[in-house]
Each structure stands twice: as C-alpha cells, then as structure tokens.
PDB file of N, CA and C in Angstrom:
ATOM      1  N   UNK A   1       1.213  -1.209   0.361  1.00  0.00           N
ATOM      2  CA  UNK A   1       0.092   0.399  -0.321  1.00  0.00           C
ATOM      3  C   UNK A   1       1.233   1.786  -0.368  1.00  0.00           C
ATOM      4  N   UNK A   2       0.219   2.275  -1.417  1.00  0.00           N
ATOM      5  CA  UNK A   2       0.550   3.498  -0.819  1.00  0.00           C
ATOM      6  C   UNK A   2       0.485   4.826  -0.145  1.00  0.00           C
ATOM      7  N   UNK A   3       1.796   4.989   0.708  1.00  0.00           N
ATOM      8  CA  UNK A   3       1.527   6.460   1.712  1.00  0.00           C
ATOM      9  C   UNK A   3       1.759   7.087   1.026  1.00  0.00           C
ATOM     10  N   UNK A   4       0.885   7.975   1.302  1.00  0.00           N
ATOM     11  CA  UNK A   4       1.267   9.457   0.618  1.00  0.00           C
ATOM     12  C   UNK A   4       1.344  10.672   1.331  1.00  0.00           C
ATOM     13  N   UNK A   5       2.063  11.419   1.158  1.00  0.00           N
ATOM     14  CA  UNK A   5       2.802  12.163   2.524  1.00  0.00           C
ATOM     15  C   UNK A   5       2.314  13.705   1.181  1.00  0.00           C
ATOM     16  N   UNK A   6       2.810  14.522   2.179  1.00  0.00           N
ATOM     17  CA  UNK A   6       2.795  16.136   2.778  1.00  0.00           C
ATOM     18  C   UNK A   6       3.234  16.446   3.028  1.00  0.00           C
ATOM     19  N   UNK A   7       4.735  17.076   2.588  1.00  0.00           N
ATOM     20  CA  UNK A   7       6.313  18.544   3.862  1.00  0.00           C
ATOM     21  C   UNK A   7       5.483  19.548   3.920  1.00  0.00           C
ATOM     22  N   UNK A   8       4.964  19.810   4.388  1.00  0.00           N
ATOM     23  CA  UNK A   8       5.096  21.141   4.668  1.00  0.00           C
ATOM     24  C   UNK A   8       6.252  21.725   5.463  1.00  0.00           C
ATOM     25  N   UNK A   9       6.327  23.229   4.931  1.00  0.00           N
ATOM     26  CA  UNK A   9       7.923  23.461   5.636  1.00  0.00           C
ATOM     27  C   UNK A   9       8.021  24.961   4.520  1.00  0.00           C
ATOM     28  N   UNK A  10       8.685  25.814   5.817  1.00  0.00           N
ATOM     29  CA  UNK A  10       8.996  27.941   4.616  1.00  0.00           C
ATOM     30  C   UNK A  10       9.877  27.422   3.745  1.00  0.00           C
ATOM     31  N   UNK A  11      11.029  26.381   4.534  1.00  0.00           N
ATOM     32  CA  UNK A  11      11.706  26.273   4.021  1.00  0.00           C
ATOM     33  C   UNK A  11      12.753  25.349   2.866  1.00  0.00           C
ATOM     34  N   UNK A  12      12.566  25.901   1.924  1.00  0.00           N
ATOM     35  CA  UNK A  12      12.904  24.700   0.346  1.00  0.00           C
ATOM     36  C   UNK A  12      14.223  23.746   0.721  1.00  0.00           C
ATOM     37  N   UNK A  13      15.232  25.022   1.271  1.00  0.00           N
ATOM     38  CA  UNK A  13      16.105  22.916   1.894  1.00  0.00           C
ATOM     39  C   UNK A  13      15.033  22.286   2.827  1.00  0.00           C
ATOM     40  N   UNK A  14      14.762  22.658   3.604  1.00  0.00           N
ATOM     41  CA  UNK A  14      13.741  21.117   4.515  1.00  0.00           C
ATOM     42  C   UNK A  14      13.192  20.972   3.661  1.00  0.00           C
ATOM     43  N   UNK A  15      12.396  21.004   2.600  1.00  0.00           N
ATOM     44  CA  UNK A  15      11.851  20.363   1.962  1.00  0.00           C
ATOM     45  C   UNK A  15      12.197  19.425   1.098  1.00  0.00           C
ATOM     46  N   UNK A  16      13.065  19.727   1.323  1.00  0.00           N
ATOM     47  CA  UNK A  16      14.139  19.137  -0.195  1.00  0.00           C
ATOM     48  C   UNK A  16      15.064  17.758   0.784  1.00  0.00           C
ATOM     49  N   UNK A  17      15.340  18.186   1.572  1.00  0.00           N
ATOM     50  CA  UNK A  17      16.306  16.659   2.811  1.00  0.00           C
ATOM     51  C   UNK A  17      14.561  16.445   3.212  1.00  0.00           C
ATOM     52  N   UNK A  18      13.386  17.121   3.664  1.00  0.00           N
ATOM     53  CA  UNK A  18      12.876  15.233   4.198  1.00  0.00           C
ATOM     54  C   UNK A  18      11.656  14.927   2.690  1.00  0.00           C
ATOM     55  N   UNK A  19      11.878  15.393   1.735  1.00  0.00           N
ATOM     56  CA  UNK A  19      11.565  14.481   0.657  1.00  0.00           C
ATOM     57  C   UNK A  19      12.513  13.628   0.358  1.00  0.00           C
ATOM     58  N   UNK A  20      13.726  14.266   0.031  1.00  0.00           N
ATOM     59  CA  UNK A  20      14.788  13.095   0.299  1.00  0.00           C
ATOM     60  C   UNK A  20      14.526  11.895   1.252  1.00  0.00           C
ATOM     61  N   UNK A  21      14.582  11.940   2.148  1.00  0.00           N
ATOM     62  CA  UNK A  21      14.600  11.491   3.316  1.00  0.00           C
ATOM     63  C   UNK A  21      13.955   9.890   3.386  1.00  0.00           C
ATOM     64  N   UNK A  22      12.778  10.427   3.056  1.00  0.00           N
ATOM     65  CA  UNK A  22      11.636   9.217   3.003  1.00  0.00           C
ATOM     66  C   UNK A  22      10.969   9.524   1.544  1.00  0.00           C
ATOM     67  N   UNK A  23      11.315   9.486   0.298  1.00  0.00           N
ATOM     68  CA  UNK A  23      10.860   9.225  -0.823  1.00  0.00           C
ATOM     69  C   UNK A  23      11.220   7.765  -1.294  1.00  0.00           C
ATOM     70  N   UNK A  24      12.240   7.315  -0.883  1.00  0.00           N
ATOM     71  CA  UNK A  24      11.935   5.254  -1.432  1.00  0.00           C
ATOM     72  C   UNK A  24      11.187   4.989  -0.614  1.00  0.00           C
ATOM     73  N   UNK A  25      10.578   4.857   0.189  1.00  0.00           N
ATOM     74  CA  UNK A  25       9.673   4.012   1.274  1.00  0.00           C
ATOM     75  C   UNK A  25       8.407   4.930   1.022  1.00  0.00           C
ATOM     76  N   UNK A  26       8.012   6.036   1.520  1.00  0.00           N
ATOM     77  CA  UNK A  26       7.097   6.575   1.146  1.00  0.00           C
ATOM     78  C   UNK A  26       6.605   8.138  -0.397  1.00  0.00           C
ATOM     79  N   UNK A  27       5.649   7.887  -0.968  1.00  0.00           N
ATOM     80  CA  UNK A  27       4.596   8.438  -1.551  1.00  0.00           C
ATOM     81  C   UNK A  27       4.437   9.883  -1.611  1.00  0.00           C
ATOM     82  N   UNK A  28       5.956  11.310  -1.762  1.00  0.00           N
ATOM     83  CA  UNK A  28       4.890  12.097  -1.435  1.00  0.00           C
ATOM     84  C   UNK A  28       4.396  12.994  -2.625  1.00  0.00           C
ATOM     85  N   UNK A  29       2.729  13.100  -2.326  1.00  0.00           N
ATOM     86  CA  UNK A  29       2.319  13.574  -2.891  1.00  0.00           C
ATOM     87  C   UNK A  29       2.219  14.888  -3.922  1.00  0.00           C
ATOM     88  N   UNK A  30       2.471  15.436  -2.388  1.00  0.00           N
ATOM     89  CA  UNK A  30       3.253  17.436  -2.824  1.00  0.00           C
ATOM     90  C   UNK A  30       3.981  18.387  -1.376  1.00  0.00           C
ATOM     91  N   UNK A  31       4.355  18.571  -1.832  1.00  0.00           N
ATOM     92  CA  UNK A  31       4.701  20.216  -0.116  1.00  0.00           C
ATOM     93  C   UNK A  31       4.115  21.159  -0.907  1.00  0.00           C
ATOM     94  N   UNK A  32       4.451  22.078   0.053  1.00  0.00           N
ATOM     95  CA  UNK A  32       3.392  22.998   0.840  1.00  0.00           C
ATOM     96  C   UNK A  32       4.687  24.312   1.178  1.00  0.00           C
ATOM     97  N   UNK A  33       4.689  25.605   1.084  1.00  0.00           N
ATOM     98  CA  UNK A  33       5.840  26.405   1.248  1.00  0.00           C
ATOM     99  C   UNK A  33       5.505  26.963   2.975  1.00  0.00           C
ATOM    100  N   UNK A  34       3.078  26.801   3.277  1.00  0.00           N
ATOM    101  CA  UNK A  34       3.068  27.039   4.188  1.00  0.00           C
ATOM    102  C   UNK A  34       1.653  26.261   4.656  1.00  0.00           C
ATOM    103  N   UNK A  35       0.902  27.515   5.721  1.00  0.00           N
ATOM    104  CA  UNK A  35      -0.163  26.735   5.826  1.00  0.00           C
ATOM    105  C   UNK A  35      -1.382  26.671   4.919  1.00  0.00           C
ATOM    106  N   UNK A  36      -1.892  27.696   4.246  1.00  0.00           N
ATOM    107  CA  UNK A  36      -3.025  27.974   3.195  1.00  0.00           C
ATOM    108  C   UNK A  36      -2.874  26.857   1.966  1.00  0.00           C
ATOM    109  N   UNK A  37      -1.368  26.738   1.996  1.00  0.00           N
ATOM    110  CA  UNK A  37      -0.992  25.918   0.128  1.00  0.00           C
ATOM    111  C   UNK A  37      -1.130  24.634   0.810  1.00  0.00           C
ATOM    112  N   UNK A  38      -0.583  24.212   2.333  1.00  0.00           N
ATOM    113  CA  UNK A  38      -1.183  23.038   2.725  1.00  0.00           C
ATOM    114  C   UNK A  38      -2.450  22.667   3.144  1.00  0.00           C
ATOM    115  N   UNK A  39      -3.131  23.749   3.365  1.00  0.00           N
ATOM    116  CA  UNK A  39      -4.947  23.308   3.519  1.00  0.00           C
ATOM    117  C   UNK A  39      -5.677  22.841   1.706  1.00  0.00           C
ATOM    118  N   UNK A  40      -4.852  23.161   0.876  1.00  0.00           N
ATOM    119  CA  UNK A  40      -5.393  23.940  -0.347  1.00  0.00           C
ATOM    120  C   UNK A  40      -5.339  22.611  -1.022  1.00  0.00           C
ATOM    121  N   UNK A  41      -4.323  21.555  -0.829  1.00  0.00           N
ATOM    122  CA  UNK A  41      -4.091  20.802  -0.857  1.00  0.00           C
ATOM    123  C   UNK A  41      -4.546  19.480  -0.362  1.00  0.00           C
ATOM    124  N   UNK A  42      -4.557  19.874   0.662  1.00  0.00           N
ATOM    125  CA  UNK A  42      -5.797  18.789   1.631  1.00  0.00           C
ATOM    126  C   UNK A  42      -7.000  18.785   1.161  1.00  0.00           C
ATOM    127  N   UNK A  43      -7.302  19.661   0.545  1.00  0.00           N
ATOM    128  CA  UNK A  43      -8.555  19.679  -0.463  1.00  0.00           C
ATOM    129  C   UNK A  43      -9.137  18.886  -0.904  1.00  0.00           C
ATOM    130  N   UNK A  44      -7.840  18.916  -2.131  1.00  0.00           N
ATOM    131  CA  UNK A  44      -8.272  17.870  -3.857  1.00  0.00           C
ATOM    132  C   UNK A  44      -7.555  16.907  -3.137  1.00  0.00           C
ATOM    133  N   UNK A  45      -6.643  15.673  -2.680  1.00  0.00           N
ATOM    134  CA  UNK A  45      -6.410  15.197  -1.934  1.00  0.00           C
ATOM    135  C   UNK A  45      -5.685  14.362  -0.859  1.00  0.00           C
ATOM    136  N   UNK A  46      -5.438  12.652  -0.855  1.00  0.00           N
ATOM    137  CA  UNK A  46      -5.888  11.845  -0.469  1.00  0.00           C
ATOM    138  C   UNK A  46      -4.276  11.825   0.255  1.00  0.00           C
ATOM    139  N   UNK A  47      -3.994  11.929   1.464  1.00  0.00           N
ATOM    140  CA  UNK A  47      -3.315  11.745   2.269  1.00  0.00           C
ATOM    141  C   UNK A  47      -3.216  10.865   3.480  1.00  0.00           C
ATOM    142  N   UNK A  48      -2.343  10.489   3.804  1.00  0.00           N
ATOM    143  CA  UNK A  48      -2.338   9.575   4.472  1.00  0.00           C
ATOM    144  C   UNK A  48      -0.903   9.999   6.144  1.00  0.00           C
ATOM    145  N   UNK A  49      -0.756  11.270   5.477  1.00  0.00           N
ATOM    146  CA  UNK A  49       0.904  11.372   6.191  1.00  0.00           C
ATOM    147  C   UNK A  49       1.517  12.593   6.003  1.00  0.00           C
ATOM    148  N   UNK A  50       1.356  14.118   7.246  1.00  0.00           N
ATOM    149  CA  UNK A  50       1.762  15.644   6.846  1.00  0.00           C
ATOM    150  C   UNK A  50       2.619  15.338   8.265  1.00  0.00           C
ATOM    151  N   UNK A  51       4.046  16.015   6.843  1.00  0.00           N
ATOM    152  CA  UNK A  51       4.740  16.486   7.497  1.00  0.00           C
ATOM    153  C   UNK A  51       4.789  17.694   8.073  1.00  0.00           C
ATOM    154  N   UNK A  52       4.613  18.778   9.091  1.00  0.00           N
ATOM    155  CA  UNK A  52       4.070  19.852   8.874  1.00  0.00           C
ATOM    156  C   UNK A  52       5.166  20.659  10.256  1.00  0.00           C
ATOM    157  N   UNK A  53       5.719  21.116   9.463  1.00  0.00           N
ATOM    158  CA  UNK A  53       6.150  22.634   9.955  1.00  0.00           C
ATOM    159  C   UNK A  53       5.044  23.408  11.023  1.00  0.00           C
ATOM    160  N   UNK A  54       6.035  24.565  12.194  1.00  0.00           N
ATOM    161  CA  UNK A  54       4.894  24.920  12.889  1.00  0.00           C
ATOM    162  C   UNK A  54       4.904  26.141  12.580  1.00  0.00           C
ATOM    163  N   UNK A  55       5.726  27.155  12.954  1.00  0.00           N
ATOM    164  CA  UNK A  55       5.788  28.202  12.977  1.00  0.00           C
ATOM    165  C   UNK A  55       5.728  28.894  11.174  1.00  0.00           C
ATOM    166  N   UNK A  56       4.817  29.248  10.544  1.00  0.00           N
ATOM    167  CA  UNK A  56       4.976  29.692   9.830  1.00  0.00           C
ATOM    168  C   UNK A  56       4.030  30.803   9.229  1.00  0.00           C
ATOM    169  N   UNK A  57       4.857  31.912   8.333  1.00  0.00           N
ATOM    170  CA  UNK A  57       3.644  33.206   8.265  1.00  0.00           C
ATOM    171  C   UNK A  57       2.222  32.617   8.060  1.00  0.00           C
ATOM    172  N   UNK A  58       1.280  33.351   8.360  1.00  0.00           N
ATOM    173  CA  UNK A  58      -0.115  33.462   7.998  1.00  0.00           C
ATOM    174  C   UNK A  58      -1.008  32.126   8.564  1.00  0.00           C
ATOM    175  N   UNK A  59      -1.032  31.245   8.326  1.00  0.00           N
ATOM    176  CA  UNK A  59      -1.688  30.336   9.224  1.00  0.00           C
ATOM    177  C   UNK A  59      -0.185  29.161   9.811  1.00  0.00           C
ATOM    178  N   UNK A  60      -0.378  29.629  10.745  1.00  0.00           N
ATOM    179  CA  UNK A  60       1.053  28.199  11.492  1.00  0.00           C
ATOM    180  C   UNK A  60       0.335  26.894  11.469  1.00  0.00           C
ATOM    181  N   UNK A  61       1.377  26.223  11.246  1.00  0.00           N
ATOM    182  CA  UNK A  61       1.155  24.759  11.534  1.00  0.00           C
ATOM    183  C   UNK A  61       0.662  24.207  12.036  1.00  0.00           C
ATOM    184  N   UNK A  62       0.233  24.783  13.354  1.00  0.00           N
ATOM    185  CA  UNK A  62      -1.116  24.559  13.684  1.00  0.00           C
ATOM    186  C   UNK A  62      -2.492  24.722  13.955  1.00  0.00           C
ATOM    187  N   UNK A  63      -2.976  25.551  13.239  1.00  0.00           N
ATOM    188  CA  UNK A  63      -4.274  26.397  13.120  1.00  0.00           C
ATOM    189  C   UNK A  63      -4.548  25.459  11.708  1.00  0.00           C
ATOM    190  N   UNK A  64      -2.711  24.768  10.998  1.00  0.00           N
ATOM    191  CA  UNK A  64      -3.131  23.987   9.118  1.00  0.00           C
ATOM    192  C   UNK A  64      -3.595  22.938   9.871  1.00  0.00           C
ATOM    193  N   UNK A  65      -2.786  22.343  10.820  1.00  0.00           N
ATOM    194  CA  UNK A  65      -3.081  20.546  10.815  1.00  0.00           C
ATOM    195  C   UNK A  65      -4.896  20.380  11.139  1.00  0.00           C
ATOM    196  N   UNK A  66      -5.786  21.877  12.092  1.00  0.00           N
ATOM    197  CA  UNK A  66      -7.073  21.620  12.784  1.00  0.00           C
ATOM    198  C   UNK A  66      -7.761  21.488  11.859  1.00  0.00           C
ATOM    199  N   UNK A  67      -7.150  22.213   9.745  1.00  0.00           N
ATOM    200  CA  UNK A  67      -8.586  22.168   9.515  1.00  0.00           C
ATOM    201  C   UNK A  67      -7.744  21.105   8.688  1.00  0.00           C
ATOM    202  N   UNK A  68      -6.572  21.075   8.375  1.00  0.00           N
ATOM    203  CA  UNK A  68      -6.971  19.535   7.572  1.00  0.00           C
ATOM    204  C   UNK A  68      -7.320  18.314   8.098  1.00  0.00           C
ATOM    205  N   UNK A  69      -7.668  17.979   9.773  1.00  0.00           N
ATOM    206  CA  UNK A  69      -8.360  17.341  10.116  1.00  0.00           C
ATOM    207  C   UNK A  69      -9.589  17.535  10.519  1.00  0.00           C
ATOM    208  N   UNK A  70      -9.508  18.781  10.254  1.00  0.00           N
ATOM    209  CA  UNK A  70     -11.630  18.484   9.591  1.00  0.00           C
ATOM    210  C   UNK A  70     -11.770  17.057   8.393  1.00  0.00           C
ATOM    211  N   UNK A  71     -10.758  17.731   7.605  1.00  0.00           N
ATOM    212  CA  UNK A  71     -10.603  17.381   5.963  1.00  0.00           C
ATOM    213  C   UNK A  71     -10.385  15.720   6.126  1.00  0.00           C
ATOM    214  N   UNK A  72      -9.908  15.529   6.207  1.00  0.00           N
ATOM    215  CA  UNK A  72      -8.540  13.892   6.596  1.00  0.00           C
ATOM    216  C   UNK A  72      -8.879  13.059   8.643  1.00  0.00           C
ATOM    217  N   UNK A  73     -10.349  13.585   8.880  1.00  0.00           N
ATOM    218  CA  UNK A  73      -9.901  12.569  10.160  1.00  0.00           C
ATOM    219  C   UNK A  73      -8.523  11.617  10.447  1.00  0.00           C
ATOM    220  N   UNK A  74      -8.462  10.393   9.665  1.00  0.00           N
ATOM    221  CA  UNK A  74      -7.346   9.819   9.678  1.00  0.00           C
ATOM    222  C   UNK A  74      -6.165  10.270   9.608  1.00  0.00           C
ATOM    223  N   UNK A  75      -5.894  11.172   8.813  1.00  0.00           N
ATOM    224  CA  UNK A  75      -4.172  11.385   8.862  1.00  0.00           C
ATOM    225  C   UNK A  75      -3.444  12.117  10.010  1.00  0.00           C
ATOM    226  N   UNK A  76      -1.975  10.850   9.760  1.00  0.00           N
ATOM    227  CA  UNK A  76      -1.795  11.269  10.761  1.00  0.00           C
ATOM    228  C   UNK A  76      -0.046  12.553  10.371  1.00  0.00           C
ATOM    229  N   UNK A  77      -0.037  13.382  11.460  1.00  0.00           N
ATOM    230  CA  UNK A  77       0.305  15.085  10.832  1.00  0.00           C
ATOM    231  C   UNK A  77       1.889  14.387  12.157  1.00  0.00           C
ATOM    232  N   UNK A  78       3.075  14.942  12.054  1.00  0.00           N
ATOM    233  CA  UNK A  78       4.144  15.323  12.201  1.00  0.00           C
ATOM    234  C   UNK A  78       4.682  15.824  11.823  1.00  0.00           C
ATOM    235  N   UNK A  79       4.799  16.985  13.568  1.00  0.00           N
ATOM    236  CA  UNK A  79       5.896  18.520  13.713  1.00  0.00           C
ATOM    237  C   UNK A  79       7.094  17.696  13.515  1.00  0.00           C
ATOM    238  N   UNK A  80       7.294  19.293  12.763  1.00  0.00           N
ATOM    239  CA  UNK A  80       8.803  18.904  11.795  1.00  0.00           C
ATOM    240  C   UNK A  80       9.252  20.910  12.175  1.00  0.00           C
ATOM    241  N   UNK A  81      10.414  20.731  14.123  1.00  0.00           N
ATOM    242  CA  UNK A  81      10.142  21.848  14.317  1.00  0.00           C
ATOM    243  C   UNK A  81      11.420  22.582  14.811  1.00  0.00           C
ATOM    244  N   UNK A  82      12.448  23.805  14.380  1.00  0.00           N
ATOM    245  CA  UNK A  82      13.514  23.744  15.169  1.00  0.00           C
ATOM    246  C   UNK A  82      12.627  24.572  17.240  1.00  0.00           C
ATOM    247  N   UNK A  83      11.580  24.653  17.626  1.00  0.00           N
ATOM    248  CA  UNK A  83      11.039  25.035  18.580  1.00  0.00           C
ATOM    249  C   UNK A  83      11.026  24.017  19.286  1.00  0.00           C
ATOM    250  N   UNK A  84      11.661  24.336  21.101  1.00  0.00           N
ATOM    251  CA  UNK A  84      11.760  23.120  21.834  1.00  0.00           C
ATOM    252  C   UNK A  84      10.689  23.898  22.837  1.00  0.00           C
ATOM    253  N   UNK A  85      10.100  24.252  22.793  1.00  0.00           N
ATOM    254  CA  UNK A  85       9.111  24.844  23.955  1.00  0.00           C
ATOM    255  C   UNK A  85       8.102  23.956  24.094  1.00  0.00           C
ATOM    256  N   UNK A  86       7.495  23.552  25.373  1.00  0.00           N
ATOM    257  CA  UNK A  86       6.799  22.597  25.942  1.00  0.00           C
ATOM    258  C   UNK A  86       5.597  22.824  25.325  1.00  0.00           C
ATOM    259  N   UNK A  87       5.445  24.693  25.609  1.00  0.00           N
ATOM    260  CA  UNK A  87       4.134  24.371  25.302  1.00  0.00           C
ATOM    261  C   UNK A  87       3.124  24.917  23.963  1.00  0.00           C
ATOM    262  N   UNK A  88       3.977  25.436  22.808  1.00  0.00           N
ATOM    263  CA  UNK A  88       4.640  24.881  21.797  1.00  0.00           C
ATOM    264  C   UNK A  88       3.800  23.569  21.274  1.00  0.00           C
ATOM    265  N   UNK A  89       4.451  22.269  21.614  1.00  0.00           N
ATOM    266  CA  UNK A  89       4.724  20.586  21.653  1.00  0.00           C
ATOM    267  C   UNK A  89       3.253  20.665  22.411  1.00  0.00           C
ATOM    268  N   UNK A  90       2.885  20.691  23.241  1.00  0.00           N
ATOM    269  CA  UNK A  90       1.638  20.953  24.183  1.00  0.00           C
ATOM    270  C   UNK A  90       0.307  20.904  22.715  1.00  0.00           C
ATOM    271  N   UNK A  91       0.518  22.796  22.309  1.00  0.00           N
ATOM    272  CA  UNK A  91      -0.558  23.011  21.373  1.00  0.00           C
ATOM    273  C   UNK A  91      -0.467  22.318  20.920  1.00  0.00           C
ATOM    274  N   UNK A  92       0.588  21.592  19.227  1.00  0.00           N
ATOM    275  CA  UNK A  92       0.589  20.614  19.125  1.00  0.00           C
ATOM    276  C   UNK A  92      -0.108  19.905  18.712  1.00  0.00           C
ATOM    277  N   UNK A  93       0.120  18.460  19.984  1.00  0.00           N
ATOM    278  CA  UNK A  93      -0.612  17.577  19.805  1.00  0.00           C
ATOM    279  C   UNK A  93      -1.878  18.207  19.839  1.00  0.00           C
ATOM    280  N   UNK A  94      -2.548  19.091  20.374  1.00  0.00           N
ATOM    281  CA  UNK A  94      -3.730  18.715  20.974  1.00  0.00           C
ATOM    282  C   UNK A  94      -4.646  20.083  19.481  1.00  0.00           C
ATOM    283  N   UNK A  95      -4.430  20.422  18.981  1.00  0.00           N
ATOM    284  CA  UNK A  95      -4.472  20.356  17.920  1.00  0.00           C
ATOM    285  C   UNK A  95      -4.492  19.331  16.176  1.00  0.00           C
ATOM    286  N   UNK A  96      -4.427  18.397  17.160  1.00  0.00           N
ATOM    287  CA  UNK A  96      -3.618  16.675  16.603  1.00  0.00           C
ATOM    288  C   UNK A  96      -2.310  15.769  15.454  1.00  0.00           C
ATOM    289  N   UNK A  97      -1.817  16.473  16.799  1.00  0.00           N
ATOM    290  CA  UNK A  97      -0.639  15.826  16.101  1.00  0.00           C
ATOM    291  C   UNK A  97      -0.155  14.685  16.383  1.00  0.00           C
ATOM    292  N   UNK A  98       0.383  13.951  15.693  1.00  0.00           N
ATOM    293  CA  UNK A  98       0.700  12.577  16.393  1.00  0.00           C
ATOM    294  C   UNK A  98       1.962  12.416  16.287  1.00  0.00           C
ATOM    295  N   UNK A  99       2.737  12.674  16.326  1.00  0.00           N
ATOM    296  CA  UNK A  99       4.457  13.303  16.387  1.00  0.00           C
ATOM    297  C   UNK A  99       4.788  14.839  16.333  1.00  0.00           C
ATOM    298  N   UNK A 100       6.320  14.598  16.726  1.00  0.00           N
ATOM    299  CA  UNK A 100       6.919  15.651  16.364  1.00  0.00           C
ATOM    300  C   UNK A 100       8.430  15.282  16.116  1.00  0.00           C
ATOM    301  N   UNK A 101       9.397  16.156  15.802  1.00  0.00           N
ATOM    302  CA  UNK A 101      11.125  15.694  15.261  1.00  0.00           C
ATOM    303  C   UNK A 101      11.089  16.619  15.396  1.00  0.00           C
ATOM    304  N   UNK A 102      12.876  17.012  16.122  1.00  0.00           N
ATOM    305  CA  UNK A 102      12.576  18.384  15.944  1.00  0.00           C
ATOM    306  C   UNK A 102      14.370  18.942  15.173  1.00  0.00           C
ATOM    307  N   UNK A 103      13.829  19.760  14.484  1.00  0.00           N
ATOM    308  CA  UNK A 103      15.614  20.047  13.723  1.00  0.00           C
ATOM    309  C   UNK A 103      16.544  20.682  14.171  1.00  0.00           C
ATOM    310  N   UNK A 104      17.778  20.043  13.587  1.00  0.00           N
ATOM    311  CA  UNK A 104      18.172  19.515  12.498  1.00  0.00           C
ATOM    312  C   UNK A 104      17.465  18.004  13.410  1.00  0.00           C
ATOM    313  N   UNK A 105      17.778  17.048  11.686  1.00  0.00           N
ATOM    314  CA  UNK A 105      17.022  15.614  12.764  1.00  0.00           C
ATOM    315  C   UNK A 105      17.676  15.034  11.453  1.00  0.00           C
ATOM    316  N   UNK A 106      18.202  13.819  12.355  1.00  0.00           N
ATOM    317  CA  UNK A 106      18.596  12.485  10.860  1.00  0.00           C
ATOM    318  C   UNK A 106      17.128  12.137   9.837  1.00  0.00           C
ATOM    319  N   UNK A 107      18.261  11.206   8.792  1.00  0.00           N
ATOM    320  CA  UNK A 107      16.849  11.211   7.132  1.00  0.00           C
ATOM    321  C   UNK A 107      16.383  10.021   8.422  1.00  0.00           C
ATOM    322  N   UNK A 108      16.971   9.290   8.943  1.00  0.00           N
ATOM    323  CA  UNK A 108      16.843   7.993   9.934  1.00  0.00           C
ATOM    324  C   UNK A 108      15.515   8.194  10.982  1.00  0.00           C
ATOM    325  N   UNK A 109      15.640   8.914  10.861  1.00  0.00           N
ATOM    326  CA  UNK A 109      14.863  10.143  12.640  1.00  0.00           C
ATOM    327  C   UNK A 109      13.356  10.180  11.830  1.00  0.00           C
ATOM    328  N   UNK A 110      13.587  10.873  10.602  1.00  0.00           N
ATOM    329  CA  UNK A 110      12.345  11.432  10.159  1.00  0.00           C
ATOM    330  C   UNK A 110      11.276   9.827   9.649  1.00  0.00           C
ATOM    331  N   UNK A 111      12.273   8.952   9.048  1.00  0.00           N
ATOM    332  CA  UNK A 111      11.816   7.652   8.269  1.00  0.00           C
ATOM    333  C   UNK A 111      11.099   6.669   9.773  1.00  0.00           C
ATOM    334  N   UNK A 112      11.715   6.969  10.494  1.00  0.00           N
ATOM    335  CA  UNK A 112      11.104   6.831  11.245  1.00  0.00           C
ATOM    336  C   UNK A 112       9.620   6.584  12.401  1.00  0.00           C
ATOM    337  N   UNK A 113       9.981   8.017  11.951  1.00  0.00           N
ATOM    338  CA  UNK A 113       8.465   8.881  12.959  1.00  0.00           C
ATOM    339  C   UNK A 113       6.928   8.752  12.144  1.00  0.00           C
ATOM    340  N   UNK A 114       7.909   8.988  10.595  1.00  0.00           N
ATOM    341  CA  UNK A 114       6.372   8.035   9.436  1.00  0.00           C
ATOM    342  C   UNK A 114       6.072   7.142  10.082  1.00  0.00           C
ATOM    343  N   UNK A 115       7.185   5.805  10.136  1.00  0.00           N
ATOM    344  CA  UNK A 115       6.631   4.693  10.311  1.00  0.00           C
ATOM    345  C   UNK A 115       5.848   4.332  11.763  1.00  0.00           C
ATOM    346  N   UNK A 116       5.697   4.987  12.680  1.00  0.00           N
ATOM    347  CA  UNK A 116       5.482   5.428  14.208  1.00  0.00           C
ATOM    348  C   UNK A 116       3.616   5.653  13.737  1.00  0.00           C
ATOM    349  N   UNK A 117       3.283   6.571  12.962  1.00  0.00           N
ATOM    350  CA  UNK A 117       2.267   6.816  12.820  1.00  0.00           C
ATOM    351  C   UNK A 117       1.573   6.110  12.257  1.00  0.00           C
ATOM    352  N   UNK A 118       2.050   5.297  11.078  1.00  0.00           N
ATOM    353  CA  UNK A 118       1.455   4.401  10.181  1.00  0.00           C
ATOM    354  C   UNK A 118       0.123   3.394  11.493  1.00  0.00           C
ATOM    355  N   UNK A 119      -0.434   3.173  10.529  1.00  0.00           N
ATOM    356  CA  UNK A 119      -1.640   2.086  11.582  1.00  0.00           C
ATOM    357  C   UNK A 119      -0.924   0.480  11.188  1.00  0.00           C
TER     358      UNK A 119
END
C-alpha cells in the first residue's frame, strides 16, 4: 500500500531534505511552503501523513493541522520544528499532531517518525 505524504515547510531546503529522507519508502504527493497552501492541497488530495512545520507566516502549522484534520480525520500529522518549547509542543499535539521531531534531524529519524504513525 502506498503511503501518501504531504510535506509542509517554509524552507525549500528543509522540504528537499525531508523528501530525500522518505521518498524511497513513501510517496510524496505534494509539498507546500505554508499553511494556506497545505490546506488547499488537502482539499483535493488523498493524504495519509503530513509532515508539518509549526512556525509559518499567515496560517501556522497548528491551525493548518486542525483544518486538515477536519478534512481528513484519519491523517497522521508529524510536526517538524526547531521549537523546543513545551507549550508549543503541547498545542501542536492538542491540534491533532501524532508526533514531532526537532530540527536538525537525521534521515532515519524522519523515516522512523513516519513509520511510527502508520497503522
């Protein structure tokens, strides 16, 4: 079964690294540079996993996650962030996040995170 992944991060370089880390095992269906674009993609795309930055201009990752979860209740969201503040992590999980990794990360860390949220 193909696992459809959406990568959301403001940094093209981070999106490139994430794609490189998971594309051998998972199907990256789309990439977005902000929350608005992520929501637009989610409205028309079948998703299994979203790898989501938290701090983004306009619609942040927490708000985008809540909206994407409303469209796809079964989607798993992994937050990928440089923030280590406990309150931010708590808000992210409360918004529907299924896990998180902190930047910088190893390829194996992101692969393991995706595998951990799959049924």
